[in-house]
Each structure stands twice: as C-alpha cells, then as structure tokens.
PDB file of N, CA and C in Angstrom:
ATOM      1  N   MET A   1     156.700 110.020  66.654  1.00  0.00           N
ATOM      2  CA  MET A   1     156.180 110.720  66.332  1.00  0.00           C
ATOM      3  C   MET A   1     157.208 112.292  66.210  1.00  0.00           C
ATOM      4  N   LYS A   2     157.018 113.476  65.178  1.00  0.00           N
ATOM      5  CA  LYS A   2     157.578 114.662  65.209  1.00  0.00           C
ATOM      6  C   LYS A   2     156.869 115.767  66.052  1.00  0.00           C
ATOM      7  N   SER A   3     157.729 116.314  66.805  1.00  0.00           N
ATOM      8  CA  SER A   3     157.522 117.334  67.831  1.00  0.00           C
ATOM      9  C   SER A   3     157.042 118.919  67.023  1.00  0.00           C
ATOM     10  N   VAL A   4     157.065 118.554  65.788  1.00  0.00           N
ATOM     11  CA  VAL A   4     156.564 119.860  64.840  1.00  0.00           C
ATOM     12  C   VAL A   4     155.286 119.724  65.040  1.00  0.00           C
ATOM     13  N   PHE A   5     154.360 118.406  65.281  1.00  0.00           N
ATOM     14  CA  PHE A   5     152.955 118.744  64.983  1.00  0.00           C
ATOM     15  C   PHE A   5     152.377 119.370  65.798  1.00  0.00           C
ATOM     16  N   TYR A   6     152.913 118.570  67.300  1.00  0.00           N
ATOM     17  CA  TYR A   6     152.774 119.256  68.470  1.00  0.00           C
ATOM     18  C   TYR A   6     153.086 120.491  68.898  1.00  0.00           C
ATOM     19  N   GLU A   7     153.854 121.190  68.144  1.00  0.00           N
ATOM     20  CA  GLU A   7     154.051 122.801  68.403  1.00  0.00           C
ATOM     21  C   GLU A   7     153.149 123.316  67.333  1.00  0.00           C
ATOM     22  N   ARG A   8     152.896 122.546  66.177  1.00  0.00           N
ATOM     23  CA  ARG A   8     151.517 123.287  65.256  1.00  0.00           C
ATOM     24  C   ARG A   8     150.165 123.884  66.013  1.00  0.00           C
ATOM     25  N   LEU A   9     150.057 122.629  66.550  1.00  0.00           N
ATOM     26  CA  LEU A   9     148.752 122.513  67.397  1.00  0.00           C
ATOM     27  C   LEU A   9     148.820 123.127  69.080  1.00  0.00           C
ATOM     28  N   PHE A  10     149.952 123.865  69.129  1.00  0.00           N
ATOM     29  CA  PHE A  10     150.291 124.713  70.228  1.00  0.00           C
ATOM     30  C   PHE A  10     150.007 125.912  69.816  1.00  0.00           C
ATOM     31  N   GLN A  11     150.908 126.217  68.486  1.00  0.00           N
ATOM     32  CA  GLN A  11     150.327 127.367  68.023  1.00  0.00           C
ATOM     33  C   GLN A  11     149.388 127.633  67.338  1.00  0.00           C
ATOM     34  N   LEU A  12     148.353 126.897  67.010  1.00  0.00           N
ATOM     35  CA  LEU A  12     147.410 126.781  66.545  1.00  0.00           C
ATOM     36  C   LEU A  12     146.721 127.648  67.821  1.00  0.00           C
ATOM     37  N   ASN A  13     146.429 126.753  68.909  1.00  0.00           N
ATOM     38  CA  ASN A  13     145.598 127.172  70.115  1.00  0.00           C
ATOM     39  C   ASN A  13     145.892 128.537  70.469  1.00  0.00           C
ATOM     40  N   ARG A  14     147.235 128.627  70.253  1.00  0.00           N
ATOM     41  CA  ARG A  14     147.243 130.296  70.506  1.00  0.00           C
ATOM     42  C   ARG A  14     147.127 131.257  69.883  1.00  0.00           C
ATOM     43  N   CYS A  15     147.133 131.035  68.398  1.00  0.00           N
ATOM     44  CA  CYS A  15     146.971 131.825  67.456  1.00  0.00           C
ATOM     45  C   CYS A  15     145.569 132.366  67.965  1.00  0.00           C
ATOM     46  N   LEU A  16     144.274 131.168  68.348  1.00  0.00           N
ATOM     47  CA  LEU A  16     142.750 131.587  68.588  1.00  0.00           C
ATOM     48  C   LEU A  16     142.450 132.077  69.733  1.00  0.00           C
ATOM     49  N   GLU A  17     143.518 131.693  70.923  1.00  0.00           N
ATOM     50  CA  GLU A  17     143.415 132.542  72.313  1.00  0.00           C
ATOM     51  C   GLU A  17     143.495 134.212  71.512  1.00  0.00           C
ATOM     52  N   GLN A  18     144.905 134.155  71.046  1.00  0.00           N
ATOM     53  CA  GLN A  18     144.934 135.691  70.778  1.00  0.00           C
ATOM     54  C   GLN A  18     143.920 136.331  69.770  1.00  0.00           C
ATOM     55  N   VAL A  19     142.850 135.575  69.482  1.00  0.00           N
ATOM     56  CA  VAL A  19     141.857 136.590  68.643  1.00  0.00           C
ATOM     57  C   VAL A  19     141.160 136.583  69.117  1.00  0.00           C
ATOM     58  N   ALA A  20     140.746 135.734  70.331  1.00  0.00           N
ATOM     59  CA  ALA A  20     139.664 135.816  71.803  1.00  0.00           C
ATOM     60  C   ALA A  20     140.165 137.279  72.232  1.00  0.00           C
ATOM     61  N   GLU A  21     141.147 137.413  72.583  1.00  0.00           N
ATOM     62  CA  GLU A  21     141.744 138.445  73.475  1.00  0.00           C
ATOM     63  C   GLU A  21     141.768 140.049  72.416  1.00  0.00           C
ATOM     64  N   ILE A  22     142.110 139.695  71.498  1.00  0.00           N
ATOM     65  CA  ILE A  22     141.993 140.975  71.141  1.00  0.00           C
ATOM     66  C   ILE A  22     140.465 141.102  70.575  1.00  0.00           C
ATOM     67  N   LEU A  23     139.676 140.561  70.885  1.00  0.00           N
ATOM     68  CA  LEU A  23     138.399 140.734  70.569  1.00  0.00           C
ATOM     69  C   LEU A  23     138.088 141.492  71.848  1.00  0.00           C
ATOM     70  N   GLU A  24     138.206 140.949  73.038  1.00  0.00           N
ATOM     71  CA  GLU A  24     137.794 141.806  74.379  1.00  0.00           C
ATOM     72  C   GLU A  24     138.774 142.887  74.547  1.00  0.00           C
ATOM     73  N   GLN A  25     139.666 143.507  73.456  1.00  0.00           N
ATOM     74  CA  GLN A  25     140.412 144.545  73.980  1.00  0.00           C
ATOM     75  C   GLN A  25     139.592 145.388  73.239  1.00  0.00           C
ATOM     76  N   PHE A  26     139.031 145.178  71.955  1.00  0.00           N
ATOM     77  CA  PHE A  26     137.906 145.932  70.571  1.00  0.00           C
ATOM     78  C   PHE A  26     136.519 146.183  72.172  1.00  0.00           C
ATOM     79  N   ARG A  27     136.134 145.039  72.886  1.00  0.00           N
ATOM     80  CA  ARG A  27     135.216 145.634  73.857  1.00  0.00           C
ATOM     81  C   ARG A  27     135.205 146.650  74.539  1.00  0.00           C
ATOM     82  N   GLN A  28     136.206 146.483  75.298  1.00  0.00           N
ATOM     83  CA  GLN A  28     136.930 147.334  76.351  1.00  0.00           C
ATOM     84  C   GLN A  28     136.597 148.617  75.898  1.00  0.00           C
ATOM     85  N   ASP A  29     137.304 148.708  74.383  1.00  0.00           N
ATOM     86  CA  ASP A  29     137.759 150.029  74.140  1.00  0.00           C
ATOM     87  C   ASP A  29     136.472 150.671  73.157  1.00  0.00           C
ATOM     88  N   GLU A  30     135.313 149.994  73.552  1.00  0.00           N
ATOM     89  CA  GLU A  30     133.767 150.081  72.856  1.00  0.00           C
ATOM     90  C   GLU A  30     133.874 150.104  71.718  1.00  0.00           C
ATOM     91  N   ILE A  31     134.383 149.582  70.735  1.00  0.00           N
ATOM     92  CA  ILE A  31     134.872 149.870  69.176  1.00  0.00           C
ATOM     93  C   ILE A  31     133.616 148.360  68.959  1.00  0.00           C
ATOM     94  N   ILE A  32     133.738 147.370  69.338  1.00  0.00           N
ATOM     95  CA  ILE A  32     132.447 145.964  69.037  1.00  0.00           C
ATOM     96  C   ILE A  32     131.190 146.475  70.124  1.00  0.00           C
ATOM     97  N   HIS A  33     130.169 145.637  70.296  1.00  0.00           N
ATOM     98  CA  HIS A  33     128.917 145.439  71.126  1.00  0.00           C
ATOM     99  C   HIS A  33     129.791 144.493  71.560  1.00  0.00           C
ATOM    100  N   PRO A  34     129.390 144.352  73.122  1.00  0.00           N
ATOM    101  CA  PRO A  34     129.419 143.289  74.059  1.00  0.00           C
ATOM    102  C   PRO A  34     128.583 141.992  73.240  1.00  0.00           C
ATOM    103  N   ASN A  35     127.760 142.328  73.009  1.00  0.00           N
ATOM    104  CA  ASN A  35     126.998 141.273  72.438  1.00  0.00           C
ATOM    105  C   ASN A  35     127.927 140.160  71.261  1.00  0.00           C
ATOM    106  N   TYR A  36     128.488 141.120  70.266  1.00  0.00           N
ATOM    107  CA  TYR A  36     128.767 140.646  69.263  1.00  0.00           C
ATOM    108  C   TYR A  36     130.465 140.238  69.905  1.00  0.00           C
ATOM    109  N   ALA A  37     131.158 141.056  70.569  1.00  0.00           N
ATOM    110  CA  ALA A  37     132.212 140.553  71.310  1.00  0.00           C
ATOM    111  C   ALA A  37     132.038 138.545  71.622  1.00  0.00           C
ATOM    112  N   ARG A  38     130.994 138.679  72.752  1.00  0.00           N
ATOM    113  CA  ARG A  38     130.555 137.715  73.295  1.00  0.00           C
ATOM    114  C   ARG A  38     130.502 136.536  72.044  1.00  0.00           C
ATOM    115  N   GLY A  39     129.531 136.689  70.781  1.00  0.00           N
ATOM    116  CA  GLY A  39     129.076 135.574  69.872  1.00  0.00           C
ATOM    117  C   GLY A  39     130.671 135.297  69.447  1.00  0.00           C
ATOM    118  N   ARG A  40     131.442 136.518  69.033  1.00  0.00           N
ATOM    119  CA  ARG A  40     132.733 135.994  68.218  1.00  0.00           C
ATOM    120  C   ARG A  40     133.709 135.291  69.053  1.00  0.00           C
ATOM    121  N   ALA A  41     133.432 135.394  70.047  1.00  0.00           N
ATOM    122  CA  ALA A  41     134.463 134.860  70.949  1.00  0.00           C
ATOM    123  C   ALA A  41     134.457 133.183  71.509  1.00  0.00           C
ATOM    124  N   ARG A  42     132.738 133.134  71.377  1.00  0.00           N
ATOM    125  CA  ARG A  42     132.296 132.003  71.476  1.00  0.00           C
ATOM    126  C   ARG A  42     132.792 131.119  70.228  1.00  0.00           C
ATOM    127  N   ALA A  43     132.650 132.053  68.972  1.00  0.00           N
ATOM    128  CA  ALA A  43     132.344 131.058  67.726  1.00  0.00           C
ATOM    129  C   ALA A  43     134.373 130.616  67.479  1.00  0.00           C
ATOM    130  N   VAL A  44     135.028 131.588  68.341  1.00  0.00           N
ATOM    131  CA  VAL A  44     136.290 131.111  68.039  1.00  0.00           C
ATOM    132  C   VAL A  44     136.658 130.533  69.033  1.00  0.00           C
ATOM    133  N   GLU A  45     136.291 130.133  70.456  1.00  0.00           N
ATOM    134  CA  GLU A  45     136.406 129.421  71.652  1.00  0.00           C
ATOM    135  C   GLU A  45     136.062 127.643  70.619  1.00  0.00           C
ATOM    136  N   ASP A  46     134.853 127.945  70.354  1.00  0.00           N
ATOM    137  CA  ASP A  46     134.263 126.526  69.459  1.00  0.00           C
ATOM    138  C   ASP A  46     135.258 126.104  68.569  1.00  0.00           C
ATOM    139  N   LEU A  47     135.546 126.518  67.764  1.00  0.00           N
ATOM    140  CA  LEU A  47     136.559 126.806  66.808  1.00  0.00           C
ATOM    141  C   LEU A  47     138.025 125.778  67.383  1.00  0.00           C
ATOM    142  N   ARG A  48     138.420 126.669  68.127  1.00  0.00           N
ATOM    143  CA  ARG A  48     139.430 126.211  69.006  1.00  0.00           C
ATOM    144  C   ARG A  48     139.471 124.944  69.413  1.00  0.00           C
ATOM    145  N   ALA A  49     138.277 124.516  70.269  1.00  0.00           N
ATOM    146  CA  ALA A  49     138.088 123.309  70.883  1.00  0.00           C
ATOM    147  C   ALA A  49     137.806 122.405  69.941  1.00  0.00           C
ATOM    148  N   ASP A  50     136.857 122.436  68.797  1.00  0.00           N
ATOM    149  CA  ASP A  50     136.972 121.532  67.821  1.00  0.00           C
ATOM    150  C   ASP A  50     138.420 121.148  67.064  1.00  0.00           C
ATOM    151  N   LEU A  51     139.335 121.815  67.154  1.00  0.00           N
ATOM    152  CA  LEU A  51     140.755 121.615  66.136  1.00  0.00           C
ATOM    153  C   LEU A  51     141.289 120.753  67.020  1.00  0.00           C
ATOM    154  N   SER A  52     141.727 121.370  68.388  1.00  0.00           N
ATOM    155  CA  SER A  52     141.988 120.614  69.564  1.00  0.00           C
ATOM    156  C   SER A  52     141.898 119.511  69.392  1.00  0.00           C
ATOM    157  N   HIS A  53     140.459 119.407  69.375  1.00  0.00           N
ATOM    158  CA  HIS A  53     140.288 117.558  69.737  1.00  0.00           C
ATOM    159  C   HIS A  53     140.264 116.568  68.628  1.00  0.00           C
ATOM    160  N   VAL A  54     139.774 117.249  67.287  1.00  0.00           N
ATOM    161  CA  VAL A  54     140.063 116.427  66.163  1.00  0.00           C
ATOM    162  C   VAL A  54     141.677 116.340  66.052  1.00  0.00           C
ATOM    163  N   LEU A  55     142.416 117.430  66.103  1.00  0.00           N
ATOM    164  CA  LEU A  55     143.872 116.863  65.283  1.00  0.00           C
ATOM    165  C   LEU A  55     144.623 116.171  66.956  1.00  0.00           C
ATOM    166  N   ALA A  56     144.240 116.297  67.943  1.00  0.00           N
ATOM    167  CA  ALA A  56     145.192 115.790  68.828  1.00  0.00           C
ATOM    168  C   ALA A  56     144.819 114.466  68.478  1.00  0.00           C
ATOM    169  N   GLY A  57     143.016 114.208  68.466  1.00  0.00           N
ATOM    170  CA  GLY A  57     142.783 112.704  68.244  1.00  0.00           C
ATOM    171  C   GLY A  57     143.623 111.943  67.012  1.00  0.00           C
ATOM    172  N   MET A  58     143.555 112.646  65.859  1.00  0.00           N
ATOM    173  CA  MET A  58     144.338 112.456  64.733  1.00  0.00           C
ATOM    174  C   MET A  58     145.887 112.096  65.565  1.00  0.00           C
ATOM    175  N   LEU A  59     146.532 113.339  65.986  1.00  0.00           N
ATOM    176  CA  LEU A  59     147.965 112.533  66.083  1.00  0.00           C
ATOM    177  C   LEU A  59     148.242 111.379  66.892  1.00  0.00           C
ATOM    178  N   HIS A  60     147.302 111.059  68.221  1.00  0.00           N
ATOM    179  CA  HIS A  60     147.302 109.882  68.586  1.00  0.00           C
ATOM    180  C   HIS A  60     146.668 108.714  68.057  1.00  0.00           C
ATOM    181  N   LEU A  61     146.016 108.537  67.026  1.00  0.00           N
ATOM    182  CA  LEU A  61     145.881 107.636  66.352  1.00  0.00           C
ATOM    183  C   LEU A  61     146.883 107.553  65.546  1.00  0.00           C
ATOM    184  N   LYS A  62     148.098 108.595  65.051  1.00  0.00           N
ATOM    185  CA  LYS A  62     148.857 107.906  64.264  1.00  0.00           C
ATOM    186  C   LYS A  62     150.234 107.593  65.167  1.00  0.00           C
ATOM    187  N   GLU A  63     150.134 108.099  66.181  1.00  0.00           N
ATOM    188  CA  GLU A  63     151.236 107.191  67.197  1.00  0.00           C
ATOM    189  C   GLU A  63     150.861 105.771  67.625  1.00  0.00           C
ATOM    190  N   LEU A  64     149.417 105.821  67.868  1.00  0.00           N
ATOM    191  CA  LEU A  64     149.189 103.609  67.908  1.00  0.00           C
ATOM    192  C   LEU A  64     149.530 103.577  66.741  1.00  0.00           C
ATOM    193  N   GLU A  65     149.474 104.004  65.524  1.00  0.00           N
ATOM    194  CA  GLU A  65     149.737 103.608  63.996  1.00  0.00           C
ATOM    195  C   GLU A  65     151.236 102.587  63.942  1.00  0.00           C
ATOM    196  N   ALA A  66     151.703 103.885  64.602  1.00  0.00           N
ATOM    197  CA  ALA A  66     153.142 103.715  64.729  1.00  0.00           C
ATOM    198  C   ALA A  66     153.567 102.640  65.531  1.00  0.00           C
ATOM    199  N   CYS A  67     153.098 102.531  66.696  1.00  0.00           N
ATOM    200  CA  CYS A  67     153.939 101.525  67.566  1.00  0.00           C
ATOM    201  C   CYS A  67     153.219 100.186  67.539  1.00  0.00           C
ATOM    202  N   VAL A  68     151.722 100.039  66.766  1.00  0.00           N
ATOM    203  CA  VAL A  68     151.395  98.621  66.278  1.00  0.00           C
ATOM    204  C   VAL A  68     151.092  98.634  64.602  1.00  0.00           C
ATOM    205  N   PRO A  69     151.632  98.803  63.892  1.00  0.00           N
ATOM    206  CA  PRO A  69     151.040  98.828  62.302  1.00  0.00           C
ATOM    207  C   PRO A  69     149.999  97.928  62.088  1.00  0.00           C
ATOM    208  N   GLY A  70     149.322  98.577  61.372  1.00  0.00           N
ATOM    209  CA  GLY A  70     147.832  97.745  60.649  1.00  0.00           C
ATOM    210  C   GLY A  70     146.696  97.319  61.810  1.00  0.00           C
ATOM    211  N   VAL A  71     147.351  97.579  63.220  1.00  0.00           N
ATOM    212  CA  VAL A  71     145.854  96.825  64.439  1.00  0.00           C
ATOM    213  C   VAL A  71     145.138  98.104  63.899  1.00  0.00           C
ATOM    214  N   PHE A  72     145.312  99.269  63.953  1.00  0.00           N
ATOM    215  CA  PHE A  72     144.819 100.928  63.567  1.00  0.00           C
ATOM    216  C   PHE A  72     144.336 100.965  62.521  1.00  0.00           C
ATOM    217  N   PRO A  73     143.642 100.427  61.760  1.00  0.00           N
ATOM    218  CA  PRO A  73     143.571 101.003  60.418  1.00  0.00           C
ATOM    219  C   PRO A  73     142.324 102.256  60.327  1.00  0.00           C
ATOM    220  N   ARG A  74     143.120 103.273  59.896  1.00  0.00           N
ATOM    221  CA  ARG A  74     142.183 104.909  59.946  1.00  0.00           C
ATOM    222  C   ARG A  74     141.230 104.250  58.763  1.00  0.00           C
ATOM    223  N   PRO A  75     140.106 105.096  59.647  1.00  0.00           N
ATOM    224  CA  PRO A  75     138.644 104.875  58.987  1.00  0.00           C
ATOM    225  C   PRO A  75     138.514 105.834  57.877  1.00  0.00           C
ATOM    226  N   GLU A  76     137.638 106.160  57.236  1.00  0.00           N
ATOM    227  CA  GLU A  76     137.216 106.866  55.883  1.00  0.00           C
ATOM    228  C   GLU A  76     136.202 107.520  56.380  1.00  0.00           C
ATOM    229  N   ALA A  77     136.917 109.010  55.850  1.00  0.00           N
ATOM    230  CA  ALA A  77     136.093 110.401  56.413  1.00  0.00           C
ATOM    231  C   ALA A  77     135.089 110.304  55.995  1.00  0.00           C
ATOM    232  N   LYS A  78     133.860 110.605  56.578  1.00  0.00           N
ATOM    233  CA  LYS A  78     132.305 110.437  56.320  1.00  0.00           C
ATOM    234  C   LYS A  78     131.534 112.167  55.866  1.00  0.00           C
ATOM    235  N   PRO A  79     131.259 112.208  55.170  1.00  0.00           N
ATOM    236  CA  PRO A  79     130.858 113.468  54.551  1.00  0.00           C
ATOM    237  C   PRO A  79     129.794 114.154  56.030  1.00  0.00           C
ATOM    238  N   ARG A  80     130.063 115.650  56.265  1.00  0.00           N
ATOM    239  CA  ARG A  80     129.245 115.581  57.201  1.00  0.00           C
ATOM    240  C   ARG A  80     128.205 116.663  56.856  1.00  0.00           C
ATOM    241  N   ASN A  81     127.172 117.239  57.501  1.00  0.00           N
ATOM    242  CA  ASN A  81     126.250 118.047  57.207  1.00  0.00           C
ATOM    243  C   ASN A  81     126.910 119.096  56.133  1.00  0.00           C
ATOM    244  N   GLY A  82     126.359 119.399  54.733  1.00  0.00           N
ATOM    245  CA  GLY A  82     126.688 120.264  53.934  1.00  0.00           C
ATOM    246  C   GLY A  82     128.065 120.164  52.939  1.00  0.00           C
ATOM    247  N   ASP A  83     128.783 118.816  53.779  1.00  0.00           N
ATOM    248  CA  ASP A  83     129.695 118.415  52.711  1.00  0.00           C
ATOM    249  C   ASP A  83     129.251 117.535  51.399  1.00  0.00           C
ATOM    250  N   GLN A  84     130.152 117.706  50.333  1.00  0.00           N
ATOM    251  CA  GLN A  84     129.698 116.910  49.825  1.00  0.00           C
ATOM    252  C   GLN A  84     130.519 115.806  49.358  1.00  0.00           C
ATOM    253  N   PRO A  85     129.797 114.567  49.334  1.00  0.00           N
ATOM    254  CA  PRO A  85     130.528 113.240  49.222  1.00  0.00           C
ATOM    255  C   PRO A  85     131.712 113.671  47.832  1.00  0.00           C
ATOM    256  N   ARG A  86     132.884 112.846  48.077  1.00  0.00           N
ATOM    257  CA  ARG A  86     134.326 112.958  47.622  1.00  0.00           C
ATOM    258  C   ARG A  86     133.978 112.088  46.422  1.00  0.00           C
ATOM    259  N   HIS A  87     134.322 112.293  45.185  1.00  0.00           N
ATOM    260  CA  HIS A  87     134.084 111.130  44.241  1.00  0.00           C
ATOM    261  C   HIS A  87     135.562 111.449  43.745  1.00  0.00           C
ATOM    262  N   ASP A  88     136.392 110.501  43.639  1.00  0.00           N
ATOM    263  CA  ASP A  88     137.752 110.663  43.015  1.00  0.00           C
ATOM    264  C   ASP A  88     137.723 109.614  41.706  1.00  0.00           C
ATOM    265  N   PRO A  89     138.600 110.435  40.645  1.00  0.00           N
ATOM    266  CA  PRO A  89     138.035 109.911  39.324  1.00  0.00           C
ATOM    267  C   PRO A  89     139.246 108.740  39.183  1.00  0.00           C
TER     268      PRO A  89
END
C-alpha cells in the first residue's frame, strides 16, 4: 500500500483540526459567538471523524484485497438519505 494514501489522510485530519483551532481563536477574540463556534467546531469534528472512519476502512479493505485478491469483493455503494441512485448509461 502506498504511503501517500496515509499521508493524505493525515493531512486531511490535520487541516480539519486547524479549522477547529481557528474557530476557537475567533471565539476567544469575540469575533464569533461561543454558541456558533461550538456548533461549527462540532460539525467540523463530525466531518473529520466520518472521513477518517470511512477512509481508514477503505484503505484497510484495499490492503486486504492486495493480500488475498478476490476474497474481499468491494460492495456496491448504497445511496444514503438524499443521495440519488446512480444510473450509468
């Protein structure tokens, strides 16, 4: 497995941590309201956690597929709430 994938995941996590840090600085400087800062920080953390969970899982699956080809078929993506089903021509 290429380390570039894990480096990207690290960078993504770090960037989203920096967003939360900057929001906190704006809150401390009283530029944004504490309630707004908390809500946005929570949204950023939820996004970071979701992306990390999904991407780490997909990287793990790729590693398993590389070790034992054909044993771990990749499941089709299922539409989530609000997503439109894909219709490939």
